[in-house]
Amino acid sequence: MEEVEFKFSVDYSKPAFYCGLDVHKYELAVAVYCQDDSQSEFLKTNVFTVDNTGLAQFWNFVRKYRPDGFAMEATGIYHHVVYKFLMNKRESVDWPFKILVVNPADASGIPNRQKFDRIDAELLARYLAKDLLTSGKAVIEVMEDIKAVFRMALRIEKDRTALKNRIKKTLDRAGIRPKGLNLNHDWVREFLHFFIEEKQTLIECLNNIKEDNGILKTHRHKILKNVKKFVPYGDFDLTNIQRSMIRQDLIELGLKTARKSLLTVEIDQAIVDHSALRQQAYNLSTIPGISPFSAVWILAEIGHINQFKSMRQFLSYCGCSPRVVSSAGKVYSAHVSRHSNSYLRTIFYNAAVEVCNFVKKDSLLKQYATRTLYRKRSASLKLAYCHVAAKIARISYAILKKSKRFEPFHNVRAKTNISEERNTQLTLTTRKLIRKAKNALKRVNELYEVEILEDHISHLAKQLDLVLQGKKPSA
């Protein structure tokens, strides 16, 4: 008699499956989890490579379960490939599923449990099945590209600052310390190039420029205008090593400056190609202290404003909300949270500094900044800047939500309208007098002696009734 292996029939369409993904640079740990009505659990795990072959194998592994959702942690930029892969697959399959990118803090493992990739994927799947996870920031490729460009521009600017400081340090060692030497100006960089190539003292280089009109013809006027800055250090010279160091730093500074200019062109092109983004950036740039480039950077960092359910959540993400530590009604700490987007925190802080110190145009925001500075004084100047930064963040949230421009005196207009409405409303004493007059007219109308005035009295009583109802009386 032939032995036949008995197998249970499998129907994956009835129970709801959930998939947890632990994404790494080269590997993807996958866990498929399900729990039916009998509280019986199903769990299957596997590991795949993050390339075309591995992603295809991953999809063949999970698609027979038809998961209702996929959950992954926001692991820097490594989850972008998996997220875009699932987004493309969702358009081609015949069942809907959700994709959640969650904050790693919301999906932390159970204490005293072994840390392992498959276990992390299993926990994500279990949390997703119990509906304990909330989706974080969606991956929008255009906004991610713009954000990467801005962050690269920031790194380049930091490198430029370091190079300029190194050049000044080398000049300081040689004794050349002119005040107000700004290496951002083209004429300063060109003059230093000429100085290190001539191998002469500073005063000899200046005399050559005065005598020969063909030397540095483009920047000649600027150099001669600032000769007084260099005259006190005219007898100083540079060694060969110092000239070589400044030469290399100047060449690298020129390359960094050119790269920054190219990135500016890329940002301009991205703004031109997306009209909706351009309109939102324009609305944000109407806020005092926020430039057009800062407005685009804010949009790139926050993504879509609707992902923030409340203003408090938005302020927390921007680093403009205090993290309160309290117990038994006593507050032990209320400092600004550092667990936030450092770029947004810096943008809003710098905007607050500009509003407090440089903006001259009057507005409610400027008045608030002035009052805050006066209240905090110099002892808590940074705290005053943080308060103003939070105010600017609140205004930004409202502008993005309502798609409106900044109004310098918005609240004043609203309060004026409210006061006008209050002025048109009747006081309690006036309403009592009108009600008494209406009742008196009705009683007079019932008297037979004044039948001639009956129609006029009825009309007047109706008009008083309209006034009590807040309606405009007719003629």
Protein backbone atom coordinates (compact mmCIF):
# COMPACT_ATOMS: atom_id res chain seq x y z
CA MET A 1 0.00 0.00 0.00
CA GLU A 2 1.47 3.35 -1.06
CA GLU A 3 1.94 5.93 1.71
CA VAL A 4 0.46 9.33 0.87
CA GLU A 5 1.52 12.42 2.85
CA PHE A 6 -1.46 14.33 4.25
CA LYS A 7 -1.39 18.15 3.85
CA PHE A 8 -3.77 20.82 5.06
CA SER A 9 -5.31 22.99 2.38
CA VAL A 10 -4.07 26.56 2.52
CA ASP A 11 -6.27 29.59 1.85
CA TYR A 12 -4.33 32.80 2.25
CA SER A 13 -7.21 35.06 1.21
CA LYS A 14 -9.27 34.86 4.43
CA PRO A 15 -6.89 35.89 7.25
CA ALA A 16 -5.17 39.28 7.22
CA PHE A 17 -1.40 39.11 6.85
CA TYR A 18 1.02 41.88 7.76
CA CYS A 19 4.62 42.28 6.67
CA GLY A 20 7.45 43.83 8.70
CA LEU A 21 10.66 44.92 6.98
CA ASP A 22 14.02 45.56 8.64
CA VAL A 23 15.98 47.43 5.98
CA HIS A 24 19.77 47.60 5.83
CA LYS A 25 22.22 48.76 3.22
CA TYR A 26 22.71 45.34 1.62
CA GLU A 27 20.09 43.11 3.31
CA LEU A 28 16.35 43.13 3.85
CA ALA A 29 14.88 41.05 6.70
CA VAL A 30 11.22 40.16 6.08
CA ALA A 31 8.61 38.80 8.50
CA VAL A 32 5.04 37.85 7.50
CA TYR A 33 2.66 37.62 10.48
CA CYS A 34 -0.98 36.67 10.91
CA GLN A 35 -3.34 35.93 13.80
CA ASP A 36 -6.78 34.40 13.13
CA ASP A 37 -9.96 34.32 15.21
CA SER A 38 -8.75 31.31 17.21
CA GLN A 39 -5.72 33.34 18.37
CA SER A 40 -3.45 31.00 16.43
CA GLU A 41 -0.41 32.76 14.99
CA PHE A 42 1.42 32.35 11.72
CA LEU A 43 4.95 33.68 11.28
CA LYS A 44 7.41 33.27 8.46
CA THR A 45 10.73 35.10 8.06
CA ASN A 46 13.41 35.37 5.42
CA VAL A 47 16.34 37.58 4.38
CA PHE A 48 16.95 39.00 0.89
CA THR A 49 19.54 41.21 -0.75
CA VAL A 50 18.67 44.80 -1.65
CA ASP A 51 19.16 44.62 -5.41
CA ASN A 52 16.98 43.80 -8.41
CA THR A 53 17.24 40.04 -7.91
CA GLY A 54 16.71 40.22 -4.16
CA LEU A 55 13.70 42.53 -4.43
CA ALA A 56 12.11 40.24 -7.03
CA GLN A 57 12.62 37.26 -4.70
CA PHE A 58 11.18 39.27 -1.82
CA TRP A 59 8.02 40.04 -3.82
CA ASN A 60 7.58 36.40 -4.83
CA PHE A 61 7.90 35.50 -1.15
CA VAL A 62 5.21 37.89 0.14
CA ARG A 63 2.68 38.25 -2.68
CA LYS A 64 0.96 34.90 -2.09
CA TYR A 65 -0.01 36.15 1.38
CA ARG A 66 -1.47 39.39 -0.06
CA PRO A 67 -0.44 41.47 2.97
CA ASP A 68 -2.72 44.28 4.09
CA GLY A 69 0.27 46.44 4.98
CA PHE A 70 4.04 46.79 4.98
CA ALA A 71 5.92 48.52 7.81
CA MET A 72 9.56 49.62 7.81
CA GLU A 73 11.70 51.92 9.91
CA ALA A 74 13.03 55.22 8.60
CA THR A 75 16.68 54.16 8.33
CA GLY A 76 18.34 57.22 6.82
CA ILE A 77 18.15 56.77 3.05
CA TYR A 78 18.35 52.96 2.82
CA HIS A 79 14.58 52.46 2.99
CA HIS A 80 13.96 54.69 -0.06
CA VAL A 81 14.66 51.88 -2.55
CA VAL A 82 12.28 49.45 -0.84
CA TYR A 83 9.61 52.14 -0.44
CA LYS A 84 9.68 53.06 -4.15
CA PHE A 85 9.65 49.36 -5.09
CA LEU A 86 6.48 48.77 -3.05
CA MET A 87 4.86 51.94 -4.41
CA ASN A 88 5.37 50.69 -7.97
CA LYS A 89 4.02 47.24 -7.08
CA ARG A 90 0.91 48.71 -5.44
CA GLU A 91 -0.10 50.21 -8.78
CA SER A 92 0.08 46.85 -10.57
CA VAL A 93 -1.56 44.46 -8.05
CA ASP A 94 -5.27 43.78 -7.57
CA TRP A 95 -5.39 44.21 -3.78
CA PRO A 96 -4.83 47.40 -1.78
CA PHE A 97 -2.17 47.61 0.89
CA LYS A 98 -0.69 50.41 2.97
CA ILE A 99 2.98 51.30 3.32
CA LEU A 100 4.15 52.74 6.64
CA VAL A 101 7.52 54.37 7.25
CA VAL A 102 7.68 54.64 11.04
CA ASN A 103 9.97 56.40 13.46
CA PRO A 104 12.49 53.91 14.94
CA ALA A 105 11.60 55.19 18.42
CA ASP A 106 7.99 54.06 17.88
CA ALA A 107 9.08 50.54 16.95
CA SER A 108 11.80 49.91 19.52
CA GLY A 109 12.28 46.34 20.63
CA ILE A 110 11.18 44.74 23.88
CA PRO A 111 13.78 45.17 26.69
CA ASN A 112 15.98 42.17 27.54
CA ARG A 113 15.15 40.53 24.23
CA GLN A 114 17.81 39.50 21.75
CA LYS A 115 18.58 42.10 19.08
CA PHE A 116 18.32 40.46 15.66
CA ASP A 117 17.19 41.57 12.20
CA ARG A 118 14.44 38.95 11.83
CA ILE A 119 13.18 39.69 15.33
CA ASP A 120 13.00 43.41 14.47
CA ALA A 121 11.01 42.60 11.33
CA GLU A 122 8.72 40.34 13.37
CA LEU A 123 8.06 43.11 15.91
CA LEU A 124 7.17 45.53 13.12
CA ALA A 125 4.71 43.01 11.67
CA ARG A 126 3.12 42.38 15.09
CA TYR A 127 2.82 46.11 15.84
CA LEU A 128 1.26 46.68 12.42
CA ALA A 129 -1.26 43.87 12.98
CA LYS A 130 -2.32 45.45 16.29
CA ASP A 131 -2.55 48.90 14.64
CA LEU A 132 0.07 50.33 16.99
CA LEU A 133 2.15 52.10 14.34
CA THR A 134 1.61 55.52 12.81
CA SER A 135 3.05 56.43 9.45
CA GLY A 136 5.86 58.94 9.46
CA LYS A 137 7.13 61.14 6.67
CA ALA A 138 6.32 59.85 3.20
CA VAL A 139 9.16 59.49 0.70
CA ILE A 140 8.59 62.07 -2.06
CA GLU A 141 11.45 61.73 -4.53
CA VAL A 142 11.35 65.33 -5.78
CA MET A 143 11.42 66.76 -2.26
CA GLU A 144 14.17 64.33 -1.24
CA ASP A 145 16.30 65.52 -4.17
CA ILE A 146 15.77 69.19 -3.28
CA LYS A 147 16.56 68.44 0.36
CA ALA A 148 19.79 66.67 -0.65
CA VAL A 149 20.81 69.68 -2.77
CA PHE A 150 20.27 72.10 0.12
CA ARG A 151 22.19 69.92 2.56
CA MET A 152 25.05 69.59 0.10
CA ALA A 153 25.08 73.38 -0.32
CA LEU A 154 25.29 73.73 3.47
CA ARG A 155 28.26 71.34 3.63
CA ILE A 156 29.99 73.24 0.83
CA GLU A 157 29.43 76.54 2.64
CA LYS A 158 30.97 75.07 5.80
CA ASP A 159 33.96 73.90 3.75
CA ARG A 160 34.29 77.39 2.23
CA THR A 161 34.29 78.93 5.69
CA ALA A 162 37.00 76.51 6.83
CA LEU A 163 39.14 77.32 3.78
CA LYS A 164 38.80 81.09 4.32
CA ASN A 165 39.79 80.67 7.96
CA ARG A 166 42.86 78.64 6.93
CA ILE A 167 43.94 81.34 4.47
CA LYS A 168 43.56 84.04 7.14
CA LYS A 169 45.49 81.89 9.61
CA THR A 170 48.39 81.52 7.18
CA LEU A 171 48.41 85.28 6.58
CA ASP A 172 48.32 85.85 10.35
CA ARG A 173 51.41 83.68 10.82
CA ALA A 174 53.21 85.86 8.28
CA GLY A 175 52.12 89.02 10.13
CA ILE A 176 49.69 90.22 7.42
CA ARG A 177 46.48 91.05 9.30
CA PRO A 178 44.42 93.66 7.40
CA LYS A 179 41.09 94.44 9.04
CA GLY A 180 37.90 93.73 7.14
CA LEU A 181 39.52 91.33 4.65
CA ASN A 182 36.51 89.55 3.12
CA LEU A 183 37.44 86.53 1.01
CA ASN A 184 33.92 86.40 -0.40
CA HIS A 185 34.87 89.31 -2.68
CA ASP A 186 36.41 88.45 -6.04
CA TRP A 187 38.95 91.28 -5.90
CA VAL A 188 40.39 89.96 -2.61
CA ARG A 189 40.92 86.46 -4.01
CA GLU A 190 42.44 87.79 -7.25
CA PHE A 191 44.78 90.07 -5.34
CA LEU A 192 45.97 87.18 -3.15
CA HIS A 193 46.58 85.08 -6.28
CA PHE A 194 48.73 87.87 -7.71
CA PHE A 195 50.55 88.38 -4.39
CA ILE A 196 51.60 84.75 -3.94
CA GLU A 197 52.77 84.43 -7.56
CA GLU A 198 54.94 87.59 -7.56
CA LYS A 199 57.11 86.48 -4.60
CA GLN A 200 57.49 90.05 -3.38
CA THR A 201 56.57 92.00 -0.29
CA LEU A 202 53.07 93.35 0.02
CA ILE A 203 54.04 96.99 -0.62
CA GLU A 204 56.00 96.03 -3.75
CA CYS A 205 52.95 94.24 -5.17
CA LEU A 206 50.78 97.27 -4.48
CA ASN A 207 53.30 99.58 -6.19
CA ASN A 208 53.37 97.33 -9.26
CA ILE A 209 49.58 97.50 -9.49
CA LYS A 210 49.67 101.31 -9.24
CA GLU A 211 52.33 101.67 -11.94
CA ASP A 212 51.03 99.09 -14.44
CA ASN A 213 47.44 99.60 -15.56
CA GLY A 214 47.33 96.15 -17.15
CA ILE A 215 47.68 94.23 -13.86
CA LEU A 216 44.34 93.02 -12.45
CA LYS A 217 42.53 95.42 -14.75
CA THR A 218 39.06 94.19 -13.73
CA HIS A 219 39.61 94.66 -9.99
CA ARG A 220 42.15 97.52 -10.12
CA HIS A 221 39.73 100.17 -8.85
CA LYS A 222 38.69 98.09 -5.83
CA ILE A 223 42.28 97.25 -4.89
CA LEU A 224 43.45 100.87 -5.06
CA LYS A 225 40.43 101.94 -3.05
CA ASN A 226 41.42 99.56 -0.21
CA VAL A 227 45.19 100.16 -0.28
CA LYS A 228 45.08 101.69 3.21
CA LYS A 229 44.17 98.29 4.66
CA PHE A 230 47.44 96.75 3.42
CA VAL A 231 49.89 99.64 3.90
CA PRO A 232 50.63 98.92 7.63
CA TYR A 233 51.76 95.40 6.64
CA GLY A 234 53.64 96.36 3.48
CA ASP A 235 57.07 95.10 4.61
CA PHE A 236 55.87 91.57 5.40
CA ASP A 237 56.51 88.67 3.04
CA LEU A 238 55.46 85.03 2.72
CA THR A 239 57.67 81.94 2.71
CA ASN A 240 57.49 79.45 -0.14
CA ILE A 241 55.53 76.99 2.02
CA GLN A 242 53.04 79.68 3.03
CA ARG A 243 52.56 80.71 -0.60
CA SER A 244 51.98 77.09 -1.59
CA MET A 245 49.41 76.58 1.19
CA ILE A 246 47.48 79.75 0.28
CA ARG A 247 47.60 78.81 -3.42
CA GLN A 248 46.05 75.40 -2.78
CA ASP A 249 43.41 76.84 -0.45
CA LEU A 250 42.48 79.54 -2.99
CA ILE A 251 42.12 76.96 -5.78
CA GLU A 252 39.93 74.76 -3.59
CA LEU A 253 37.91 77.80 -2.48
CA GLY A 254 37.26 78.68 -6.13
CA LEU A 255 36.05 75.14 -6.84
CA LYS A 256 33.75 75.19 -3.81
CA THR A 257 32.35 78.56 -4.86
CA ALA A 258 31.66 77.27 -8.39
CA ARG A 259 29.93 74.17 -7.00
CA LYS A 260 27.74 76.33 -4.78
CA SER A 261 26.73 78.43 -7.80
CA LEU A 262 25.80 75.29 -9.75
CA LEU A 263 23.66 74.04 -6.86
CA THR A 264 21.88 77.40 -6.81
CA VAL A 265 21.00 76.90 -10.48
CA GLU A 266 19.66 73.40 -9.69
CA ILE A 267 17.44 74.81 -6.94
CA ASP A 268 16.11 77.53 -9.25
CA GLN A 269 15.30 74.93 -11.91
CA ALA A 270 13.46 72.73 -9.39
CA ILE A 271 11.35 75.71 -8.31
CA VAL A 272 10.54 76.61 -11.93
CA ASP A 273 9.50 73.04 -12.78
CA HIS A 274 6.99 72.78 -9.90
CA SER A 275 4.44 75.59 -9.87
CA ALA A 276 2.67 74.44 -6.68
CA LEU A 277 5.98 74.32 -4.83
CA ARG A 278 6.81 77.78 -6.15
CA GLN A 279 3.52 79.19 -4.83
CA GLN A 280 4.02 77.65 -1.39
CA ALA A 281 7.58 78.95 -1.26
CA TYR A 282 6.37 82.43 -2.19
CA ASN A 283 3.77 82.36 0.59
CA LEU A 284 6.43 81.36 3.13
CA SER A 285 8.91 83.95 1.87
CA THR A 286 6.44 86.73 2.76
CA ILE A 287 7.18 86.01 6.44
CA PRO A 288 9.83 88.45 7.77
CA GLY A 289 13.17 86.72 8.23
CA ILE A 290 12.56 83.90 5.73
CA SER A 291 14.24 84.22 2.33
CA PRO A 292 12.97 82.46 -0.82
CA PHE A 293 15.72 79.82 -0.55
CA SER A 294 14.94 79.22 3.13
CA ALA A 295 11.27 78.82 2.21
CA VAL A 296 12.06 76.11 -0.35
CA TRP A 297 14.36 74.38 2.14
CA ILE A 298 11.59 74.36 4.76
CA LEU A 299 9.21 72.75 2.26
CA ALA A 300 11.81 70.14 1.33
CA GLU A 301 12.44 69.23 4.96
CA ILE A 302 8.82 68.95 6.12
CA GLY A 303 7.33 67.33 3.01
CA HIS A 304 3.54 67.61 2.97
CA ILE A 305 2.06 69.71 5.75
CA ASN A 306 -0.94 67.38 6.16
CA GLN A 307 1.25 64.71 7.75
CA PHE A 308 1.31 66.86 10.90
CA LYS A 309 -2.00 66.39 12.70
CA SER A 310 -1.55 69.43 14.94
CA MET A 311 0.57 72.53 15.29
CA ARG A 312 2.18 71.05 18.41
CA GLN A 313 3.42 68.08 16.39
CA PHE A 314 4.81 70.43 13.73
CA LEU A 315 6.61 72.54 16.35
CA SER A 316 8.09 69.41 17.92
CA TYR A 317 9.42 68.26 14.54
CA CYS A 318 10.95 71.70 13.92
CA GLY A 319 12.63 71.80 17.33
CA CYS A 320 10.59 74.79 18.50
CA SER A 321 8.70 73.00 21.26
CA PRO A 322 10.07 72.49 24.81
CA ARG A 323 10.52 68.98 26.15
CA VAL A 324 8.98 69.13 29.62
CA VAL A 325 10.23 66.75 32.33
CA SER A 326 7.94 66.92 35.36
CA SER A 327 6.83 64.80 38.29
CA ALA A 328 4.17 65.40 40.95
CA GLY A 329 3.36 68.77 39.44
CA LYS A 330 6.96 69.98 39.61
CA VAL A 331 8.77 70.84 36.37
CA TYR A 332 12.42 69.74 36.41
CA SER A 333 13.33 70.66 32.84
CA ALA A 334 11.66 72.47 29.95
CA HIS A 335 14.43 72.87 27.40
CA VAL A 336 13.94 72.87 23.64
CA SER A 337 13.96 69.32 22.34
CA ARG A 338 17.08 68.29 20.45
CA HIS A 339 15.35 65.19 19.06
CA SER A 340 14.09 67.10 16.04
CA ASN A 341 15.10 68.30 12.60
CA SER A 342 18.28 70.28 13.21
CA TYR A 343 18.09 72.01 9.82
CA LEU A 344 14.60 73.40 10.46
CA ARG A 345 15.60 74.40 13.98
CA THR A 346 18.53 76.39 12.59
CA ILE A 347 16.45 78.02 9.83
CA PHE A 348 13.77 79.26 12.23
CA TYR A 349 16.36 80.38 14.80
CA ASN A 350 18.26 82.41 12.19
CA ALA A 351 14.97 83.89 10.98
CA ALA A 352 14.22 84.95 14.56
CA VAL A 353 17.63 86.62 14.88
CA GLU A 354 17.00 88.55 11.67
CA VAL A 355 13.52 89.66 12.77
CA CYS A 356 14.81 90.80 16.17
CA ASN A 357 17.85 92.70 14.90
CA PHE A 358 17.57 93.62 11.22
CA VAL A 359 13.94 93.75 10.06
CA LYS A 360 12.66 97.34 10.15
CA LYS A 361 9.19 96.94 8.62
CA ASP A 362 6.47 97.06 11.25
CA SER A 363 4.21 94.04 11.78
CA LEU A 364 2.65 92.10 14.62
CA LEU A 365 5.59 89.68 14.42
CA LYS A 366 8.09 92.55 14.75
CA GLN A 367 6.13 93.95 17.70
CA TYR A 368 6.10 90.52 19.36
CA ALA A 369 9.87 90.19 18.83
CA THR A 370 10.48 93.64 20.32
CA ARG A 371 8.37 92.85 23.38
CA THR A 372 10.07 89.50 23.86
CA LEU A 373 13.55 91.02 23.64
CA TYR A 374 12.61 93.72 26.14
CA ARG A 375 11.11 91.18 28.54
CA LYS A 376 14.03 88.73 28.42
CA ARG A 377 16.75 91.41 28.16
CA SER A 378 20.37 90.45 27.51
CA ALA A 379 20.44 87.82 30.27
CA SER A 380 18.22 85.48 28.23
CA LEU A 381 18.83 86.65 24.67
CA LYS A 382 18.93 83.14 23.19
CA LEU A 383 15.72 82.25 24.98
CA ALA A 384 14.07 85.29 23.41
CA TYR A 385 15.26 84.14 19.98
CA CYS A 386 13.77 80.68 20.65
CA HIS A 387 10.40 82.24 21.53
CA VAL A 388 10.39 84.27 18.32
CA ALA A 389 11.49 81.20 16.31
CA ALA A 390 8.51 79.25 17.70
CA LYS A 391 6.25 82.14 16.71
CA ILE A 392 7.60 82.09 13.14
CA ALA A 393 7.11 78.30 13.01
CA ARG A 394 3.46 78.72 14.08
CA ILE A 395 2.92 81.32 11.38
CA SER A 396 4.55 79.01 8.81
CA TYR A 397 2.24 76.16 9.80
CA ALA A 398 -0.85 78.36 9.44
CA ILE A 399 0.29 79.72 6.06
CA LEU A 400 0.95 76.24 4.66
CA LYS A 401 -2.36 74.93 6.00
CA LYS A 402 -4.44 77.79 4.60
CA SER A 403 -2.33 78.48 1.48
CA LYS A 404 -2.28 82.20 2.21
CA ARG A 405 0.38 84.88 2.35
CA PHE A 406 1.63 86.53 5.51
CA GLU A 407 -0.53 89.42 6.69
CA PRO A 408 1.43 91.83 8.93
CA PHE A 409 -1.66 92.89 10.92
CA HIS A 410 -4.00 89.92 10.52
CA ASN A 411 -5.10 89.71 14.17
CA VAL A 412 -5.68 93.46 14.39
CA ARG A 413 -8.12 93.28 11.48
CA ALA A 414 -9.89 90.31 13.01
CA LYS A 415 -10.21 92.06 16.38
CA THR A 416 -11.51 95.22 14.64
CA ASN A 417 -14.20 93.20 12.86
CA ILE A 418 -15.19 91.54 16.13
CA SER A 419 -15.41 94.90 17.92
CA GLU A 420 -17.56 96.29 15.10
CA GLU A 421 -19.90 93.32 15.38
CA ARG A 422 -20.07 93.79 19.14
CA ASN A 423 -20.93 97.46 18.65
CA THR A 424 -23.87 96.51 16.43
CA GLN A 425 -25.20 94.05 19.04
CA LEU A 426 -27.76 95.26 21.57
CA THR A 427 -27.03 95.29 25.26
CA LEU A 428 -29.26 93.45 27.70
CA THR A 429 -30.77 96.69 29.04
CA THR A 430 -31.61 97.92 25.54
CA ARG A 431 -33.27 94.62 24.64
CA LYS A 432 -35.41 94.82 27.77
CA LEU A 433 -36.54 98.35 26.89
CA ILE A 434 -37.44 97.35 23.32
CA ARG A 435 -39.32 94.30 24.54
CA LYS A 436 -41.30 96.43 26.99
CA ALA A 437 -42.12 98.94 24.23
CA LYS A 438 -43.30 96.14 21.93
CA ASN A 439 -45.55 94.64 24.59
CA ALA A 440 -46.93 98.09 25.43
CA LEU A 441 -47.79 98.74 21.79
CA LYS A 442 -49.61 95.40 21.58
CA ARG A 443 -51.69 96.28 24.61
CA VAL A 444 -52.47 99.72 23.19
CA ASN A 445 -53.53 98.10 19.93
CA GLU A 446 -56.16 96.10 21.80
CA LEU A 447 -57.93 99.27 22.96
CA TYR A 448 -61.02 100.21 20.94
CA GLU A 449 -60.46 103.90 21.39
CA VAL A 450 -57.45 103.98 19.00
CA GLU A 451 -58.75 101.96 16.05
CA ILE A 452 -57.45 104.67 13.70
CA LEU A 453 -53.83 103.90 14.74
CA GLU A 454 -54.23 100.10 14.68
CA ASP A 455 -52.24 99.49 11.48
CA HIS A 456 -49.41 101.81 12.48
CA ILE A 457 -49.10 100.27 15.93
CA SER A 458 -48.96 96.72 14.50
CA HIS A 459 -46.29 97.74 11.99
CA LEU A 460 -44.17 99.39 14.70
CA ALA A 461 -44.46 96.32 16.94
CA LYS A 462 -43.27 94.07 14.10
CA GLN A 463 -40.28 96.36 13.46
CA LEU A 464 -39.29 96.18 17.13
CA ASP A 465 -39.56 92.40 16.98
CA LEU A 466 -37.14 92.36 13.99
CA VAL A 467 -34.68 94.49 15.95
CA LEU A 468 -34.77 92.00 18.84
CA GLN A 469 -34.06 89.16 16.39
CA GLY A 470 -30.99 90.98 15.10
CA LYS A 471 -32.50 91.63 11.68
CA LYS A 472 -32.61 94.89 9.80
CA PRO A 473 -36.04 96.60 10.12
CA SER A 474 -37.90 97.36 6.91
CA ALA A 475 -38.99 100.83 5.85
